[in-house]
Amino acid sequence: MLYSLGMLSADDLKILNFEASAPRGVGAKEEAIRATFDIAPVRYYQRLNLIIDTPDAMKLNPTLVSRLRRRAGKID
């Protein structure tokens, strides 16, 4: 999916909401990703990394997105 300014899909919002309450353990989180989204964790993280680069995601939940960007090494 290509992203442009002003576009967060319903799936994008679901991913951000999931991140806000996702299990902390890696194994448990990967299992929850598969069960919730029916995609491989690698695909989930690829999409999440695109989402957290959008201005709309930052506007929606700046605390969460900032934390995710720091974790991904995207904050200066």
N, C-alpha and C. Protein backbone atom coordinates (compact mmCIF):
# COMPACT_ATOMS: atom_id res chain seq x y z
N MET A 1 0.85 -1.18 0.00
CA MET A 1 0.00 0.00 0.00
C MET A 1 0.89 1.24 0.00
N LEU A 2 0.58 2.18 -0.85
CA LEU A 2 1.30 3.44 -0.87
C LEU A 2 0.61 4.43 0.05
N TYR A 3 1.41 5.21 0.74
CA TYR A 3 0.86 6.17 1.68
C TYR A 3 1.08 7.58 1.17
N SER A 4 0.09 8.40 1.35
CA SER A 4 0.24 9.82 1.06
C SER A 4 -0.27 10.58 2.27
N LEU A 5 -0.02 11.86 2.28
CA LEU A 5 -0.44 12.67 3.41
C LEU A 5 -1.95 12.58 3.58
N GLY A 6 -2.39 12.46 4.81
CA GLY A 6 -3.81 12.48 5.08
C GLY A 6 -4.52 11.16 4.91
N MET A 7 -3.77 10.06 4.89
CA MET A 7 -4.43 8.78 4.65
C MET A 7 -3.99 7.72 5.65
N LEU A 8 -4.85 7.42 6.60
CA LEU A 8 -4.68 6.25 7.45
C LEU A 8 -5.92 5.38 7.23
N SER A 9 -5.70 4.16 6.83
CA SER A 9 -6.83 3.26 6.58
C SER A 9 -7.34 2.68 7.90
N ALA A 10 -8.45 2.00 7.81
CA ALA A 10 -9.00 1.33 8.99
C ALA A 10 -8.01 0.29 9.52
N ASP A 11 -7.32 -0.40 8.61
CA ASP A 11 -6.31 -1.38 9.04
C ASP A 11 -5.14 -0.70 9.73
N ASP A 12 -4.75 0.47 9.25
CA ASP A 12 -3.67 1.22 9.89
C ASP A 12 -4.06 1.59 11.32
N LEU A 13 -5.28 2.04 11.49
CA LEU A 13 -5.77 2.40 12.83
C LEU A 13 -5.81 1.18 13.73
N LYS A 14 -6.19 0.05 13.17
CA LYS A 14 -6.23 -1.19 13.95
C LYS A 14 -4.82 -1.58 14.41
N ILE A 15 -3.84 -1.39 13.55
CA ILE A 15 -2.45 -1.70 13.91
C ILE A 15 -1.97 -0.77 15.02
N LEU A 16 -2.25 0.52 14.91
CA LEU A 16 -1.85 1.45 15.97
C LEU A 16 -2.54 1.12 17.29
N ASN A 17 -3.81 0.80 17.25
CA ASN A 17 -4.53 0.42 18.47
C ASN A 17 -3.96 -0.86 19.07
N PHE A 18 -3.60 -1.80 18.22
CA PHE A 18 -3.00 -3.04 18.69
C PHE A 18 -1.68 -2.75 19.39
N GLU A 19 -0.86 -1.89 18.80
CA GLU A 19 0.44 -1.55 19.40
C GLU A 19 0.29 -0.93 20.78
N ALA A 20 -0.78 -0.19 20.98
CA ALA A 20 -1.00 0.47 22.27
C ALA A 20 -1.25 -0.54 23.38
N SER A 21 -1.74 -1.72 23.04
CA SER A 21 -2.07 -2.70 24.08
C SER A 21 -1.50 -4.09 23.79
N ALA A 22 -0.52 -4.18 22.92
CA ALA A 22 0.03 -5.47 22.51
C ALA A 22 0.76 -6.16 23.66
N PRO A 23 0.79 -7.49 23.65
CA PRO A 23 1.57 -8.21 24.65
C PRO A 23 3.04 -7.80 24.59
N ARG A 24 3.70 -7.80 25.73
CA ARG A 24 5.10 -7.36 25.79
C ARG A 24 6.09 -8.43 25.32
N GLY A 25 5.79 -9.68 25.58
CA GLY A 25 6.70 -10.75 25.18
C GLY A 25 6.69 -10.94 23.67
N VAL A 26 7.87 -11.17 23.10
CA VAL A 26 7.99 -11.29 21.64
C VAL A 26 7.14 -12.45 21.11
N GLY A 27 7.26 -13.61 21.72
CA GLY A 27 6.49 -14.77 21.25
C GLY A 27 5.00 -14.55 21.34
N ALA A 28 4.57 -14.00 22.46
CA ALA A 28 3.14 -13.74 22.65
C ALA A 28 2.64 -12.68 21.67
N LYS A 29 3.47 -11.68 21.42
CA LYS A 29 3.07 -10.62 20.48
C LYS A 29 2.96 -11.17 19.06
N GLU A 30 3.94 -11.98 18.65
CA GLU A 30 3.89 -12.55 17.31
C GLU A 30 2.67 -13.45 17.13
N GLU A 31 2.34 -14.19 18.16
CA GLU A 31 1.14 -15.04 18.11
C GLU A 31 -0.12 -14.18 17.99
N ALA A 32 -0.16 -13.10 18.75
CA ALA A 32 -1.31 -12.19 18.70
C ALA A 32 -1.41 -11.50 17.34
N ILE A 33 -0.27 -11.17 16.74
CA ILE A 33 -0.27 -10.57 15.39
C ILE A 33 -0.89 -11.54 14.39
N ARG A 34 -0.45 -12.78 14.44
CA ARG A 34 -1.01 -13.78 13.51
C ARG A 34 -2.51 -13.97 13.72
N ALA A 35 -2.92 -14.03 14.99
CA ALA A 35 -4.33 -14.26 15.29
C ALA A 35 -5.21 -13.06 14.94
N THR A 36 -4.70 -11.87 15.18
CA THR A 36 -5.49 -10.65 14.97
C THR A 36 -5.54 -10.23 13.51
N PHE A 37 -4.39 -10.28 12.84
CA PHE A 37 -4.30 -9.72 11.49
C PHE A 37 -4.17 -10.77 10.39
N ASP A 38 -3.93 -12.01 10.77
CA ASP A 38 -3.75 -13.10 9.81
C ASP A 38 -2.65 -12.80 8.79
N ILE A 39 -1.56 -12.21 9.30
CA ILE A 39 -0.38 -11.96 8.47
C ILE A 39 0.86 -12.34 9.27
N ALA A 40 1.97 -12.53 8.58
CA ALA A 40 3.23 -12.84 9.25
C ALA A 40 3.72 -11.61 10.01
N PRO A 41 4.37 -11.82 11.15
CA PRO A 41 4.91 -10.68 11.91
C PRO A 41 5.82 -9.77 11.08
N VAL A 42 6.58 -10.34 10.16
CA VAL A 42 7.46 -9.51 9.32
C VAL A 42 6.64 -8.51 8.52
N ARG A 43 5.56 -8.96 7.92
CA ARG A 43 4.68 -8.06 7.15
C ARG A 43 4.06 -7.01 8.05
N TYR A 44 3.67 -7.42 9.25
CA TYR A 44 3.08 -6.49 10.23
C TYR A 44 4.07 -5.37 10.54
N TYR A 45 5.31 -5.73 10.83
CA TYR A 45 6.31 -4.72 11.19
C TYR A 45 6.68 -3.83 10.00
N GLN A 46 6.66 -4.39 8.80
CA GLN A 46 6.90 -3.56 7.62
C GLN A 46 5.81 -2.50 7.50
N ARG A 47 4.59 -2.91 7.69
CA ARG A 47 3.47 -1.97 7.59
C ARG A 47 3.50 -0.96 8.74
N LEU A 48 3.79 -1.43 9.95
CA LEU A 48 3.88 -0.53 11.10
C LEU A 48 4.93 0.54 10.85
N ASN A 49 6.07 0.16 10.30
CA ASN A 49 7.13 1.14 10.03
C ASN A 49 6.70 2.18 9.01
N LEU A 50 5.88 1.82 8.07
CA LEU A 50 5.34 2.81 7.13
C LEU A 50 4.35 3.73 7.84
N ILE A 51 3.50 3.14 8.67
CA ILE A 51 2.47 3.92 9.36
C ILE A 51 3.08 4.97 10.27
N ILE A 52 4.11 4.60 11.04
CA ILE A 52 4.66 5.55 12.02
C ILE A 52 5.41 6.70 11.36
N ASP A 53 5.62 6.62 10.07
CA ASP A 53 6.25 7.73 9.34
C ASP A 53 5.22 8.74 8.82
N THR A 54 3.95 8.47 9.00
CA THR A 54 2.92 9.38 8.49
C THR A 54 2.57 10.46 9.51
N PRO A 55 2.35 11.68 9.03
CA PRO A 55 1.94 12.76 9.94
C PRO A 55 0.62 12.47 10.64
N ASP A 56 -0.29 11.78 9.97
CA ASP A 56 -1.59 11.47 10.59
C ASP A 56 -1.44 10.55 11.79
N ALA A 57 -0.52 9.60 11.71
CA ALA A 57 -0.29 8.72 12.86
C ALA A 57 0.23 9.53 14.04
N MET A 58 1.14 10.46 13.77
CA MET A 58 1.68 11.30 14.83
C MET A 58 0.60 12.18 15.45
N LYS A 59 -0.30 12.69 14.61
CA LYS A 59 -1.40 13.51 15.12
C LYS A 59 -2.37 12.68 15.97
N LEU A 60 -2.61 11.46 15.55
CA LEU A 60 -3.57 10.59 16.22
C LEU A 60 -3.11 10.19 17.62
N ASN A 61 -1.85 9.77 17.72
CA ASN A 61 -1.33 9.31 19.02
C ASN A 61 0.15 9.63 19.10
N PRO A 62 0.49 10.88 19.41
CA PRO A 62 1.90 11.30 19.39
C PRO A 62 2.78 10.55 20.38
N THR A 63 2.26 10.20 21.54
CA THR A 63 3.07 9.49 22.52
C THR A 63 3.45 8.10 22.01
N LEU A 64 2.47 7.36 21.53
CA LEU A 64 2.71 6.02 21.02
C LEU A 64 3.64 6.05 19.81
N VAL A 65 3.35 6.92 18.85
CA VAL A 65 4.13 6.98 17.62
C VAL A 65 5.57 7.41 17.92
N SER A 66 5.75 8.34 18.83
CA SER A 66 7.11 8.75 19.21
C SER A 66 7.87 7.58 19.82
N ARG A 67 7.21 6.83 20.69
CA ARG A 67 7.85 5.66 21.30
C ARG A 67 8.23 4.63 20.24
N LEU A 68 7.33 4.37 19.31
CA LEU A 68 7.60 3.41 18.24
C LEU A 68 8.72 3.89 17.33
N ARG A 69 8.74 5.17 17.05
CA ARG A 69 9.80 5.73 16.20
C ARG A 69 11.16 5.66 16.90
N ARG A 70 11.18 5.93 18.20
CA ARG A 70 12.44 5.80 18.95
C ARG A 70 12.93 4.36 18.91
N ARG A 71 12.02 3.43 19.15
CA ARG A 71 12.37 2.01 19.15
C ARG A 71 12.90 1.57 17.78
N ALA A 72 12.37 2.16 16.73
CA ALA A 72 12.80 1.82 15.36
C ALA A 72 14.04 2.61 14.94
N GLY A 73 14.53 3.50 15.82
CA GLY A 73 15.71 4.29 15.50
C GLY A 73 15.44 5.41 14.52
N LYS A 74 14.21 5.92 14.49
CA LYS A 74 13.83 6.94 13.52
C LYS A 74 13.79 8.34 14.09
N ILE A 75 14.10 8.51 15.37
CA ILE A 75 14.09 9.84 15.99
C ILE A 75 15.51 10.37 15.98
N ASP A 76 15.65 11.62 15.59
CA ASP A 76 16.99 12.24 15.55
C ASP A 76 17.59 12.37 16.92
